[in-house]
Amino acid sequence: PFQFCLAYLTLYSMGGYFPWVFVAERAKEYGADESKANQQLAAAGGSLSLGAFLCLAVGDHLRKTPMQIQAFAMVAMGCSTIMMLVVNNYAGLLSSIMLYSFFNGGALFLCGPCVEQALISPEKCAHGFGHTQFWVSVFVLLGGPFAAFLYDATGSYTPPYLAGGLCLALSGAVAALADLSVKKRRKRLSLRGSHTLSSSTTEYIYKARNLSVESSV
């Protein structure tokens, strides 16, 4: 399960950077001045915070695992990236950015719980988080240059936006596979009489802490 988790988080990190390389240029193409183009960052920040807050407030009540919620958010981000490509005015571009950032807030908030869910054993969390952060950082650095390369090679915004949207949608699909893999592993562990984790987002964190205390006693 951890390999699946690492794969979709790296895809998410790379694809998620693609839209931001060109948003200022796209805004100016629609007649927005420099100050108005910068409003996109404020709108994106507010939407991202709202998405994270709502995920915290209602995520546990959905009775879905962190990976299931994150998979939905990543697919929605992929669709929002494609929307940025097809809109033909500044208002549409700004709406697409806000929608993208809203779901990105939820996806970012759940990165920690998803790694915990994938690792199952709390004792492996420290190594797993470090390993994940390293590869996510690498692919974040690759996202911008690769998006610029696609634009320079084709002279069009279409390839980088399509590549970013497909990366995000694919990361959501891999997240769904990771969730299924975790469920199968949990089932095998439960058949062996091992501890299993609960299905809600918040309880993943609390259960991991309790297992750590029990294992140290």
N, C-alpha and C. Protein backbone atom coordinates (compact mmCIF):
# COMPACT_ATOMS: atom_id res chain seq x y z
N PRO A 1 0.81 -1.23 0.00
CA PRO A 1 0.00 0.00 0.00
C PRO A 1 0.84 1.28 0.00
N PHE A 2 1.99 1.24 0.68
CA PHE A 2 2.81 2.45 0.76
C PHE A 2 3.37 2.82 -0.61
N GLN A 3 3.71 1.82 -1.44
CA GLN A 3 4.21 2.12 -2.78
C GLN A 3 3.14 2.82 -3.62
N PHE A 4 1.89 2.36 -3.49
CA PHE A 4 0.77 3.03 -4.17
C PHE A 4 0.65 4.46 -3.68
N CYS A 5 0.71 4.63 -2.37
CA CYS A 5 0.59 5.96 -1.77
C CYS A 5 1.69 6.89 -2.26
N LEU A 6 2.90 6.40 -2.29
CA LEU A 6 4.03 7.21 -2.76
C LEU A 6 3.87 7.58 -4.23
N ALA A 7 3.36 6.64 -5.03
CA ALA A 7 3.18 6.89 -6.46
C ALA A 7 2.16 8.00 -6.71
N TYR A 8 1.02 7.93 -6.02
CA TYR A 8 0.00 8.94 -6.34
C TYR A 8 0.34 10.30 -5.72
N LEU A 9 1.07 10.33 -4.62
CA LEU A 9 1.46 11.62 -4.05
C LEU A 9 2.51 12.32 -4.92
N THR A 10 3.41 11.56 -5.55
CA THR A 10 4.38 12.18 -6.44
C THR A 10 3.70 12.69 -7.72
N LEU A 11 2.75 11.93 -8.25
CA LEU A 11 1.99 12.40 -9.41
C LEU A 11 1.20 13.66 -9.08
N TYR A 12 0.61 13.67 -7.92
CA TYR A 12 -0.15 14.83 -7.45
C TYR A 12 0.76 16.05 -7.31
N SER A 13 1.96 15.85 -6.77
CA SER A 13 2.88 16.96 -6.56
C SER A 13 3.36 17.55 -7.89
N MET A 14 3.61 16.69 -8.86
CA MET A 14 4.09 17.16 -10.15
C MET A 14 2.96 17.82 -10.95
N GLY A 15 1.84 17.13 -11.08
CA GLY A 15 0.73 17.67 -11.86
C GLY A 15 0.12 18.92 -11.24
N GLY A 16 0.16 19.00 -9.90
CA GLY A 16 -0.44 20.15 -9.24
C GLY A 16 0.31 21.45 -9.48
N TYR A 17 1.56 21.36 -9.90
CA TYR A 17 2.34 22.57 -10.14
C TYR A 17 2.10 23.14 -11.54
N PHE A 18 1.66 22.33 -12.46
CA PHE A 18 1.54 22.75 -13.86
C PHE A 18 0.70 24.01 -14.06
N PRO A 19 -0.52 24.11 -13.48
CA PRO A 19 -1.35 25.27 -13.79
C PRO A 19 -0.75 26.59 -13.35
N TRP A 20 0.04 26.60 -12.27
CA TRP A 20 0.52 27.85 -11.71
C TRP A 20 1.63 28.49 -12.53
N VAL A 21 2.20 27.75 -13.45
CA VAL A 21 3.29 28.31 -14.27
C VAL A 21 2.76 29.40 -15.20
N PHE A 22 1.50 29.28 -15.62
CA PHE A 22 0.99 30.16 -16.69
C PHE A 22 -0.21 31.01 -16.28
N VAL A 23 -0.65 30.96 -15.02
CA VAL A 23 -1.90 31.64 -14.68
C VAL A 23 -1.78 33.16 -14.85
N ALA A 24 -0.63 33.74 -14.54
CA ALA A 24 -0.49 35.20 -14.69
C ALA A 24 -0.56 35.59 -16.16
N GLU A 25 0.12 34.83 -17.03
CA GLU A 25 0.08 35.13 -18.46
C GLU A 25 -1.32 34.94 -19.03
N ARG A 26 -2.00 33.90 -18.57
CA ARG A 26 -3.37 33.68 -19.05
C ARG A 26 -4.29 34.82 -18.64
N ALA A 27 -4.14 35.31 -17.41
CA ALA A 27 -4.97 36.42 -16.94
C ALA A 27 -4.74 37.67 -17.77
N LYS A 28 -3.49 37.95 -18.12
CA LYS A 28 -3.18 39.13 -18.92
C LYS A 28 -3.73 39.00 -20.33
N GLU A 29 -3.79 37.77 -20.83
CA GLU A 29 -4.38 37.55 -22.16
C GLU A 29 -5.85 37.94 -22.19
N TYR A 30 -6.52 37.80 -21.05
CA TYR A 30 -7.93 38.16 -20.98
C TYR A 30 -8.16 39.61 -20.59
N GLY A 31 -7.09 40.41 -20.60
CA GLY A 31 -7.22 41.84 -20.36
C GLY A 31 -7.04 42.26 -18.92
N ALA A 32 -6.67 41.36 -18.03
CA ALA A 32 -6.46 41.71 -16.63
C ALA A 32 -5.11 42.40 -16.47
N ASP A 33 -5.08 43.46 -15.66
CA ASP A 33 -3.81 44.13 -15.42
C ASP A 33 -3.02 43.37 -14.35
N GLU A 34 -1.84 43.90 -14.02
CA GLU A 34 -0.93 43.20 -13.11
C GLU A 34 -1.56 43.00 -11.73
N SER A 35 -2.21 44.04 -11.22
CA SER A 35 -2.80 43.94 -9.88
C SER A 35 -3.95 42.94 -9.86
N LYS A 36 -4.72 42.92 -10.94
CA LYS A 36 -5.85 41.98 -10.99
C LYS A 36 -5.35 40.55 -11.14
N ALA A 37 -4.27 40.39 -11.87
CA ALA A 37 -3.70 39.05 -12.02
C ALA A 37 -3.21 38.52 -10.68
N ASN A 38 -2.68 39.41 -9.85
CA ASN A 38 -2.19 38.99 -8.54
C ASN A 38 -3.33 38.60 -7.59
N GLN A 39 -4.55 39.05 -7.89
CA GLN A 39 -5.69 38.67 -7.06
C GLN A 39 -5.93 37.16 -7.09
N GLN A 40 -5.43 36.52 -8.13
CA GLN A 40 -5.60 35.06 -8.22
C GLN A 40 -4.96 34.35 -7.04
N LEU A 41 -3.81 34.85 -6.60
CA LEU A 41 -3.11 34.22 -5.48
C LEU A 41 -3.92 34.34 -4.20
N ALA A 42 -4.52 35.52 -3.98
CA ALA A 42 -5.34 35.71 -2.78
C ALA A 42 -6.58 34.82 -2.83
N ALA A 43 -7.21 34.75 -4.00
CA ALA A 43 -8.39 33.89 -4.14
C ALA A 43 -8.03 32.43 -3.96
N ALA A 44 -6.88 32.03 -4.51
CA ALA A 44 -6.44 30.64 -4.37
C ALA A 44 -6.14 30.31 -2.91
N GLY A 45 -5.47 31.23 -2.20
CA GLY A 45 -5.16 30.99 -0.79
C GLY A 45 -6.40 30.86 0.06
N GLY A 46 -7.38 31.73 -0.17
CA GLY A 46 -8.63 31.65 0.59
C GLY A 46 -9.39 30.36 0.31
N SER A 47 -9.44 29.96 -0.95
CA SER A 47 -10.15 28.73 -1.30
C SER A 47 -9.45 27.50 -0.73
N LEU A 48 -8.10 27.52 -0.75
CA LEU A 48 -7.34 26.40 -0.20
C LEU A 48 -7.60 26.25 1.30
N SER A 49 -7.61 27.37 2.02
CA SER A 49 -7.86 27.32 3.46
C SER A 49 -9.28 26.83 3.74
N LEU A 50 -10.24 27.27 2.93
CA LEU A 50 -11.61 26.82 3.12
C LEU A 50 -11.74 25.32 2.89
N GLY A 51 -11.07 24.81 1.86
CA GLY A 51 -11.12 23.38 1.58
C GLY A 51 -10.52 22.56 2.71
N ALA A 52 -9.40 23.02 3.27
CA ALA A 52 -8.77 22.31 4.38
C ALA A 52 -9.66 22.35 5.62
N PHE A 53 -10.28 23.51 5.88
CA PHE A 53 -11.15 23.64 7.05
C PHE A 53 -12.37 22.73 6.95
N LEU A 54 -13.00 22.70 5.78
CA LEU A 54 -14.17 21.85 5.60
C LEU A 54 -13.80 20.37 5.70
N CYS A 55 -12.62 20.03 5.20
CA CYS A 55 -12.17 18.64 5.31
C CYS A 55 -11.99 18.25 6.77
N LEU A 56 -11.46 19.17 7.56
CA LEU A 56 -11.31 18.92 8.99
C LEU A 56 -12.66 18.82 9.69
N ALA A 57 -13.61 19.68 9.27
CA ALA A 57 -14.89 19.76 9.96
C ALA A 57 -15.81 18.59 9.63
N VAL A 58 -15.83 18.18 8.35
CA VAL A 58 -16.82 17.18 7.95
C VAL A 58 -16.21 15.87 7.49
N GLY A 59 -14.89 15.81 7.36
CA GLY A 59 -14.26 14.60 6.83
C GLY A 59 -14.58 13.36 7.64
N ASP A 60 -14.57 13.47 8.96
CA ASP A 60 -14.82 12.31 9.80
C ASP A 60 -16.27 11.86 9.72
N HIS A 61 -17.18 12.80 9.47
CA HIS A 61 -18.60 12.46 9.41
C HIS A 61 -18.98 11.77 8.11
N LEU A 62 -18.12 11.85 7.10
CA LEU A 62 -18.41 11.19 5.82
C LEU A 62 -18.21 9.69 5.89
N ARG A 63 -17.52 9.22 6.94
CA ARG A 63 -17.25 7.80 7.11
C ARG A 63 -16.51 7.22 5.91
N LYS A 64 -15.61 8.01 5.38
CA LYS A 64 -14.75 7.58 4.28
C LYS A 64 -13.31 7.59 4.77
N THR A 65 -12.48 6.75 4.16
CA THR A 65 -11.07 6.75 4.53
C THR A 65 -10.39 7.99 3.95
N PRO A 66 -9.23 8.38 4.52
CA PRO A 66 -8.52 9.54 3.97
C PRO A 66 -8.20 9.39 2.49
N MET A 67 -7.83 8.18 2.07
CA MET A 67 -7.47 7.98 0.66
C MET A 67 -8.68 8.12 -0.25
N GLN A 68 -9.84 7.70 0.20
CA GLN A 68 -11.04 7.84 -0.62
C GLN A 68 -11.38 9.31 -0.84
N ILE A 69 -11.30 10.10 0.23
CA ILE A 69 -11.57 11.54 0.10
C ILE A 69 -10.51 12.20 -0.77
N GLN A 70 -9.25 11.82 -0.55
CA GLN A 70 -8.17 12.42 -1.32
C GLN A 70 -8.27 12.04 -2.80
N ALA A 71 -8.68 10.82 -3.09
CA ALA A 71 -8.83 10.40 -4.48
C ALA A 71 -9.86 11.26 -5.20
N PHE A 72 -10.99 11.51 -4.53
CA PHE A 72 -12.03 12.36 -5.12
C PHE A 72 -11.50 13.77 -5.34
N ALA A 73 -10.78 14.31 -4.34
CA ALA A 73 -10.25 15.67 -4.45
C ALA A 73 -9.27 15.79 -5.61
N MET A 74 -8.43 14.77 -5.81
CA MET A 74 -7.43 14.84 -6.88
C MET A 74 -8.08 14.77 -8.26
N VAL A 75 -9.09 13.94 -8.41
CA VAL A 75 -9.80 13.89 -9.69
C VAL A 75 -10.48 15.24 -9.97
N ALA A 76 -11.06 15.83 -8.92
CA ALA A 76 -11.69 17.15 -9.08
C ALA A 76 -10.66 18.20 -9.45
N MET A 77 -9.46 18.12 -8.89
CA MET A 77 -8.40 19.05 -9.26
C MET A 77 -8.00 18.87 -10.73
N GLY A 78 -7.94 17.61 -11.19
CA GLY A 78 -7.64 17.37 -12.59
C GLY A 78 -8.67 17.99 -13.52
N CYS A 79 -9.95 17.84 -13.15
CA CYS A 79 -11.02 18.45 -13.96
C CYS A 79 -10.92 19.97 -13.94
N SER A 80 -10.58 20.54 -12.78
CA SER A 80 -10.44 21.99 -12.67
C SER A 80 -9.29 22.51 -13.52
N THR A 81 -8.22 21.71 -13.61
CA THR A 81 -7.08 22.10 -14.45
C THR A 81 -7.49 22.16 -15.92
N ILE A 82 -8.27 21.18 -16.36
CA ILE A 82 -8.75 21.19 -17.74
C ILE A 82 -9.68 22.39 -17.96
N MET A 83 -10.48 22.73 -16.94
CA MET A 83 -11.36 23.90 -17.05
C MET A 83 -10.56 25.17 -17.28
N MET A 84 -9.39 25.29 -16.63
CA MET A 84 -8.56 26.48 -16.84
C MET A 84 -8.15 26.62 -18.31
N LEU A 85 -8.06 25.50 -18.99
CA LEU A 85 -7.66 25.52 -20.40
C LEU A 85 -8.80 25.95 -21.32
N VAL A 86 -10.03 25.52 -21.01
CA VAL A 86 -11.14 25.73 -21.94
C VAL A 86 -11.89 27.03 -21.71
N VAL A 87 -11.72 27.69 -20.55
CA VAL A 87 -12.44 28.94 -20.31
C VAL A 87 -11.91 30.01 -21.26
N ASN A 88 -12.76 31.00 -21.54
CA ASN A 88 -12.37 32.04 -22.50
C ASN A 88 -12.49 33.45 -21.93
N ASN A 89 -12.52 33.57 -20.59
CA ASN A 89 -12.54 34.89 -19.97
C ASN A 89 -11.91 34.83 -18.59
N TYR A 90 -11.63 36.01 -18.04
CA TYR A 90 -10.93 36.06 -16.75
C TYR A 90 -11.78 35.51 -15.62
N ALA A 91 -13.07 35.77 -15.63
CA ALA A 91 -13.95 35.27 -14.57
C ALA A 91 -13.96 33.74 -14.54
N GLY A 92 -13.98 33.13 -15.72
CA GLY A 92 -13.94 31.67 -15.78
C GLY A 92 -12.63 31.11 -15.28
N LEU A 93 -11.52 31.80 -15.62
CA LEU A 93 -10.21 31.36 -15.15
C LEU A 93 -10.11 31.46 -13.63
N LEU A 94 -10.60 32.58 -13.08
CA LEU A 94 -10.55 32.76 -11.64
C LEU A 94 -11.42 31.73 -10.92
N SER A 95 -12.58 31.43 -11.47
CA SER A 95 -13.46 30.42 -10.87
C SER A 95 -12.81 29.04 -10.88
N SER A 96 -12.13 28.72 -11.98
CA SER A 96 -11.45 27.43 -12.08
C SER A 96 -10.31 27.33 -11.06
N ILE A 97 -9.58 28.44 -10.88
CA ILE A 97 -8.48 28.45 -9.91
C ILE A 97 -9.01 28.27 -8.49
N MET A 98 -10.13 28.93 -8.17
CA MET A 98 -10.70 28.80 -6.84
C MET A 98 -11.21 27.38 -6.59
N LEU A 99 -11.82 26.79 -7.61
CA LEU A 99 -12.30 25.42 -7.46
C LEU A 99 -11.13 24.45 -7.29
N TYR A 100 -10.10 24.65 -8.08
CA TYR A 100 -8.89 23.82 -7.96
C TYR A 100 -8.30 23.93 -6.56
N SER A 101 -8.17 25.17 -6.07
CA SER A 101 -7.54 25.39 -4.77
C SER A 101 -8.39 24.84 -3.63
N PHE A 102 -9.70 24.89 -3.77
CA PHE A 102 -10.59 24.35 -2.73
C PHE A 102 -10.33 22.85 -2.54
N PHE A 103 -10.30 22.11 -3.63
CA PHE A 103 -10.05 20.67 -3.51
C PHE A 103 -8.60 20.39 -3.14
N ASN A 104 -7.69 21.27 -3.56
CA ASN A 104 -6.30 21.10 -3.18
C ASN A 104 -6.11 21.23 -1.67
N GLY A 105 -6.89 22.09 -1.05
CA GLY A 105 -6.82 22.24 0.40
C GLY A 105 -7.15 20.94 1.11
N GLY A 106 -8.21 20.26 0.65
CA GLY A 106 -8.55 18.98 1.24
C GLY A 106 -7.50 17.92 0.99
N ALA A 107 -6.96 17.90 -0.23
CA ALA A 107 -5.95 16.90 -0.58
C ALA A 107 -4.68 17.09 0.25
N LEU A 108 -4.25 18.34 0.41
CA LEU A 108 -3.05 18.61 1.21
C LEU A 108 -3.26 18.25 2.67
N PHE A 109 -4.43 18.57 3.20
CA PHE A 109 -4.72 18.30 4.60
C PHE A 109 -4.65 16.81 4.91
N LEU A 110 -4.99 15.98 3.93
CA LEU A 110 -5.08 14.54 4.18
C LEU A 110 -3.79 13.79 3.85
N CYS A 111 -2.74 14.49 3.43
CA CYS A 111 -1.50 13.77 3.09
C CYS A 111 -0.96 12.97 4.27
N GLY A 112 -0.94 13.58 5.45
CA GLY A 112 -0.45 12.89 6.63
C GLY A 112 -1.27 11.66 6.99
N PRO A 113 -2.60 11.81 7.16
CA PRO A 113 -3.43 10.64 7.46
C PRO A 113 -3.35 9.54 6.40
N CYS A 114 -3.16 9.93 5.13
CA CYS A 114 -3.08 8.92 4.07
C CYS A 114 -1.80 8.09 4.20
N VAL A 115 -0.68 8.74 4.55
CA VAL A 115 0.56 8.00 4.75
C VAL A 115 0.41 7.06 5.94
N GLU A 116 -0.24 7.54 7.01
CA GLU A 116 -0.49 6.68 8.17
C GLU A 116 -1.36 5.49 7.77
N GLN A 117 -2.38 5.74 6.97
CA GLN A 117 -3.26 4.66 6.53
C GLN A 117 -2.50 3.64 5.71
N ALA A 118 -1.60 4.11 4.84
CA ALA A 118 -0.86 3.20 3.97
C ALA A 118 0.14 2.36 4.74
N LEU A 119 0.76 2.97 5.77
CA LEU A 119 1.79 2.25 6.51
C LEU A 119 1.22 1.24 7.50
N ILE A 120 -0.01 1.51 7.98
CA ILE A 120 -0.72 0.66 8.93
C ILE A 120 0.02 0.59 10.27
N SER A 121 1.29 0.22 10.26
CA SER A 121 2.05 0.11 11.50
C SER A 121 2.57 1.48 11.92
N PRO A 122 2.20 2.00 13.09
CA PRO A 122 2.64 3.32 13.51
C PRO A 122 4.16 3.43 13.64
N GLU A 123 4.82 2.29 13.94
CA GLU A 123 6.26 2.32 14.14
C GLU A 123 7.01 2.73 12.87
N LYS A 124 6.38 2.57 11.70
CA LYS A 124 7.03 2.89 10.43
C LYS A 124 6.74 4.30 9.95
N CYS A 125 5.95 5.06 10.70
CA CYS A 125 5.49 6.36 10.22
C CYS A 125 6.62 7.35 10.01
N ALA A 126 7.57 7.40 10.94
CA ALA A 126 8.65 8.39 10.82
C ALA A 126 9.44 8.18 9.54
N HIS A 127 9.83 6.92 9.27
CA HIS A 127 10.56 6.62 8.04
C HIS A 127 9.69 6.89 6.82
N GLY A 128 8.42 6.52 6.90
CA GLY A 128 7.52 6.70 5.76
C GLY A 128 7.30 8.16 5.42
N PHE A 129 7.13 9.01 6.42
CA PHE A 129 6.95 10.44 6.16
C PHE A 129 8.20 11.04 5.53
N GLY A 130 9.38 10.68 6.03
CA GLY A 130 10.62 11.20 5.46
C GLY A 130 10.81 10.77 4.03
N HIS A 131 10.54 9.51 3.74
CA HIS A 131 10.66 8.98 2.39
C HIS A 131 9.69 9.69 1.45
N THR A 132 8.47 9.90 1.93
CA THR A 132 7.45 10.56 1.11
C THR A 132 7.83 12.01 0.82
N GLN A 133 8.29 12.73 1.84
CA GLN A 133 8.65 14.13 1.66
C GLN A 133 9.79 14.30 0.66
N PHE A 134 10.73 13.38 0.68
CA PHE A 134 11.85 13.48 -0.26
C PHE A 134 11.36 13.39 -1.70
N TRP A 135 10.59 12.37 -2.03
CA TRP A 135 10.15 12.17 -3.40
C TRP A 135 9.13 13.21 -3.83
N VAL A 136 8.27 13.65 -2.92
CA VAL A 136 7.33 14.72 -3.26
C VAL A 136 8.09 16.00 -3.60
N SER A 137 9.14 16.32 -2.84
CA SER A 137 9.94 17.52 -3.12
C SER A 137 10.62 17.43 -4.49
N VAL A 138 11.11 16.25 -4.84
CA VAL A 138 11.76 16.07 -6.14
C VAL A 138 10.78 16.34 -7.27
N PHE A 139 9.57 15.78 -7.17
CA PHE A 139 8.61 15.93 -8.26
C PHE A 139 8.00 17.33 -8.30
N VAL A 140 7.93 18.02 -7.17
CA VAL A 140 7.51 19.42 -7.19
C VAL A 140 8.50 20.26 -7.99
N LEU A 141 9.78 19.99 -7.80
CA LEU A 141 10.81 20.73 -8.54
C LEU A 141 10.77 20.41 -10.03
N LEU A 142 10.36 19.20 -10.39
CA LEU A 142 10.30 18.82 -11.80
C LEU A 142 9.06 19.37 -12.51
N GLY A 143 8.00 19.65 -11.74
CA GLY A 143 6.74 20.06 -12.36
C GLY A 143 6.84 21.32 -13.18
N GLY A 144 7.41 22.39 -12.60
CA GLY A 144 7.50 23.66 -13.31
C GLY A 144 8.32 23.59 -14.58
N PRO A 145 9.57 23.09 -14.51
CA PRO A 145 10.38 22.99 -15.74
C PRO A 145 9.74 22.13 -16.82
N PHE A 146 9.08 21.04 -16.41
CA PHE A 146 8.47 20.17 -17.41
C PHE A 146 7.28 20.86 -18.09
N ALA A 147 6.51 21.62 -17.31
CA ALA A 147 5.40 22.38 -17.90
C ALA A 147 5.93 23.42 -18.88
N ALA A 148 7.01 24.12 -18.50
CA ALA A 148 7.60 25.12 -19.39
C ALA A 148 8.17 24.48 -20.65
N PHE A 149 8.75 23.28 -20.49
CA PHE A 149 9.29 22.56 -21.65
C PHE A 149 8.19 22.22 -22.64
N LEU A 150 7.05 21.74 -22.13
CA LEU A 150 5.94 21.40 -23.02
C LEU A 150 5.43 22.62 -23.77
N TYR A 151 5.37 23.75 -23.08
CA TYR A 151 4.90 24.97 -23.74
C TYR A 151 5.91 25.45 -24.79
N ASP A 152 7.20 25.43 -24.45
CA ASP A 152 8.23 25.88 -25.41
C ASP A 152 8.29 24.96 -26.63
N ALA A 153 8.05 23.67 -26.41
CA ALA A 153 8.15 22.71 -27.51
C ALA A 153 6.96 22.80 -28.46
N THR A 154 5.80 23.21 -27.93
CA THR A 154 4.59 23.21 -28.75
C THR A 154 4.06 24.61 -29.05
N GLY A 155 4.46 25.59 -28.24
CA GLY A 155 3.94 26.94 -28.42
C GLY A 155 2.48 27.07 -28.04
N SER A 156 1.98 26.15 -27.25
CA SER A 156 0.56 26.14 -26.88
C SER A 156 0.42 25.81 -25.40
N TYR A 157 -0.64 26.35 -24.78
CA TYR A 157 -0.93 26.02 -23.39
C TYR A 157 -1.59 24.65 -23.24
N THR A 158 -2.10 24.11 -24.34
CA THR A 158 -2.87 22.87 -24.25
C THR A 158 -2.07 21.70 -23.67
N PRO A 159 -0.85 21.38 -24.18
CA PRO A 159 -0.13 20.22 -23.64
C PRO A 159 0.17 20.29 -22.14
N PRO A 160 0.68 21.44 -21.61
CA PRO A 160 0.95 21.45 -20.17
C PRO A 160 -0.31 21.33 -19.31
N TYR A 161 -1.40 21.97 -19.73
CA TYR A 161 -2.63 21.86 -18.93
C TYR A 161 -3.22 20.46 -19.02
N LEU A 162 -3.17 19.86 -20.20
CA LEU A 162 -3.65 18.49 -20.32
C LEU A 162 -2.78 17.53 -19.51
N ALA A 163 -1.47 17.73 -19.56
CA ALA A 163 -0.57 16.87 -18.80
C ALA A 163 -0.81 17.01 -17.31
N GLY A 164 -1.00 18.25 -16.84
CA GLY A 164 -1.28 18.46 -15.43
C GLY A 164 -2.59 17.85 -15.00
N GLY A 165 -3.64 18.03 -15.82
CA GLY A 165 -4.94 17.45 -15.49
C GLY A 165 -4.91 15.94 -15.47
N LEU A 166 -4.20 15.35 -16.45
CA LEU A 166 -4.12 13.88 -16.49
C LEU A 166 -3.31 13.33 -15.32
N CYS A 167 -2.23 14.03 -14.95
CA CYS A 167 -1.44 13.60 -13.78
C CYS A 167 -2.29 13.59 -12.53
N LEU A 168 -3.09 14.63 -12.35
CA LEU A 168 -3.93 14.72 -11.15
C LEU A 168 -5.03 13.66 -11.16
N ALA A 169 -5.66 13.48 -12.33
CA ALA A 169 -6.70 12.45 -12.42
C ALA A 169 -6.13 11.06 -12.20
N LEU A 170 -4.93 10.83 -12.75
CA LEU A 170 -4.28 9.53 -12.55
C LEU A 170 -3.90 9.33 -11.09
N SER A 171 -3.47 10.39 -10.43
CA SER A 171 -3.13 10.27 -9.01
C SER A 171 -4.37 9.90 -8.20
N GLY A 172 -5.54 10.42 -8.57
CA GLY A 172 -6.77 10.04 -7.89
C GLY A 172 -7.11 8.57 -8.11
N ALA A 173 -6.89 8.08 -9.33
CA ALA A 173 -7.15 6.66 -9.61
C ALA A 173 -6.21 5.76 -8.82
N VAL A 174 -4.93 6.15 -8.74
CA VAL A 174 -3.96 5.35 -7.98
C VAL A 174 -4.28 5.41 -6.49
N ALA A 175 -4.79 6.56 -6.02
CA ALA A 175 -5.19 6.67 -4.62
C ALA A 175 -6.32 5.70 -4.30
N ALA A 176 -7.26 5.54 -5.23
CA ALA A 176 -8.34 4.58 -5.03
C ALA A 176 -7.80 3.15 -4.97
N LEU A 177 -6.82 2.85 -5.82
CA LEU A 177 -6.18 1.53 -5.77
C LEU A 177 -5.43 1.32 -4.46
N ALA A 178 -4.78 2.39 -3.99
CA ALA A 178 -4.07 2.30 -2.71
C ALA A 178 -5.04 2.00 -1.58
N ASP A 179 -6.21 2.62 -1.62
CA ASP A 179 -7.20 2.38 -0.58
C ASP A 179 -7.66 0.92 -0.59
N LEU A 180 -7.88 0.38 -1.79
CA LEU A 180 -8.27 -1.03 -1.89
C LEU A 180 -7.16 -1.94 -1.37
N SER A 181 -5.92 -1.59 -1.67
CA SER A 181 -4.79 -2.39 -1.21
C SER A 181 -4.71 -2.39 0.31
N VAL A 182 -4.95 -1.21 0.92
CA VAL A 182 -4.93 -1.12 2.38
C VAL A 182 -6.04 -1.98 2.99
N LYS A 183 -7.22 -1.93 2.39
CA LYS A 183 -8.33 -2.72 2.92
C LYS A 183 -8.04 -4.21 2.87
N LYS A 184 -7.41 -4.65 1.77
CA LYS A 184 -7.07 -6.07 1.67
C LYS A 184 -6.04 -6.45 2.72
N ARG A 185 -5.07 -5.55 2.94
CA ARG A 185 -4.05 -5.85 3.93
C ARG A 185 -4.62 -5.86 5.34
N ARG A 186 -5.50 -4.91 5.62
CA ARG A 186 -6.15 -4.88 6.93
C ARG A 186 -6.97 -6.14 7.17
N LYS A 187 -7.61 -6.62 6.12
CA LYS A 187 -8.40 -7.84 6.25
C LYS A 187 -7.51 -9.03 6.58
N ARG A 188 -6.35 -9.11 5.92
CA ARG A 188 -5.42 -10.20 6.22
C ARG A 188 -4.91 -10.11 7.65
N LEU A 189 -4.62 -8.89 8.10
CA LEU A 189 -4.14 -8.71 9.46
C LEU A 189 -5.21 -9.06 10.49
N SER A 190 -6.45 -8.72 10.18
CA SER A 190 -7.53 -9.02 11.12
C SER A 190 -7.75 -10.53 11.22
N LEU A 191 -7.56 -11.24 10.11
CA LEU A 191 -7.70 -12.69 10.15
C LEU A 191 -6.61 -13.34 11.00
N ARG A 192 -5.47 -12.65 11.09
CA ARG A 192 -4.38 -13.16 11.92
C ARG A 192 -4.49 -12.71 13.37
N GLY A 193 -5.55 -11.97 13.68
CA GLY A 193 -5.74 -11.49 15.05
C GLY A 193 -4.95 -10.24 15.36
N SER A 194 -4.49 -9.50 14.30
CA SER A 194 -3.69 -8.31 14.53
C SER A 194 -4.60 -7.11 14.73
N HIS A 195 -4.00 -6.02 15.21
CA HIS A 195 -4.74 -4.77 15.34
C HIS A 195 -5.07 -4.23 13.96
N THR A 196 -6.26 -3.66 13.80
CA THR A 196 -6.64 -3.00 12.56
C THR A 196 -7.05 -1.58 12.86
N LEU A 197 -7.00 -0.76 11.83
CA LEU A 197 -7.35 0.64 11.99
C LEU A 197 -8.82 0.85 11.65
N SER A 198 -9.42 1.87 12.22
CA SER A 198 -10.82 2.15 11.93
C SER A 198 -10.93 2.87 10.60
N SER A 199 -12.17 3.12 10.15
CA SER A 199 -12.37 3.61 8.79
C SER A 199 -12.52 5.11 8.68
N SER A 200 -12.63 5.83 9.77
CA SER A 200 -12.84 7.26 9.67
C SER A 200 -11.51 8.01 9.68
N THR A 201 -11.53 9.22 9.12
CA THR A 201 -10.30 9.99 8.96
C THR A 201 -9.65 10.30 10.29
N THR A 202 -10.39 10.85 11.23
CA THR A 202 -9.82 11.24 12.52
C THR A 202 -9.36 10.04 13.31
N GLU A 203 -10.11 8.95 13.28
CA GLU A 203 -9.79 7.78 14.09
C GLU A 203 -8.52 7.08 13.63
N TYR A 204 -8.11 7.29 12.38
CA TYR A 204 -6.83 6.74 11.93
C TYR A 204 -5.70 7.29 12.79
N ILE A 205 -5.75 8.60 13.05
CA ILE A 205 -4.69 9.24 13.81
C ILE A 205 -4.72 8.77 15.26
N TYR A 206 -5.92 8.77 15.88
CA TYR A 206 -6.00 8.37 17.28
C TYR A 206 -5.64 6.91 17.47
N LYS A 207 -6.08 6.06 16.55
CA LYS A 207 -5.77 4.64 16.68
C LYS A 207 -4.27 4.39 16.57
N ALA A 208 -3.61 5.11 15.66
CA ALA A 208 -2.16 4.96 15.52
C ALA A 208 -1.44 5.34 16.80
N ARG A 209 -1.90 6.41 17.45
CA ARG A 209 -1.28 6.82 18.70
C ARG A 209 -1.49 5.77 19.79
N ASN A 210 -2.70 5.21 19.86
CA ASN A 210 -2.99 4.21 20.87
C ASN A 210 -2.14 2.97 20.67
N LEU A 211 -1.96 2.56 19.41
CA LEU A 211 -1.14 1.38 19.13
C LEU A 211 0.31 1.63 19.53
N SER A 212 0.79 2.88 19.34
CA SER A 212 2.15 3.19 19.72
C SER A 212 2.34 3.06 21.23
N VAL A 213 1.34 3.53 21.99
CA VAL A 213 1.41 3.43 23.44
C VAL A 213 1.38 1.98 23.89
N GLU A 214 0.48 1.19 23.26
CA GLU A 214 0.36 -0.21 23.64
C GLU A 214 1.64 -0.98 23.35
N SER A 215 2.27 -0.68 22.21
CA SER A 215 3.48 -1.41 21.84
C SER A 215 4.67 -1.07 22.71
N SER A 216 4.61 0.11 23.37
CA SER A 216 5.72 0.52 24.22
C SER A 216 5.57 0.02 25.65
N VAL A 217 4.37 -0.46 25.99
CA VAL A 217 4.12 -0.96 27.36
C VAL A 217 4.67 -2.36 27.52
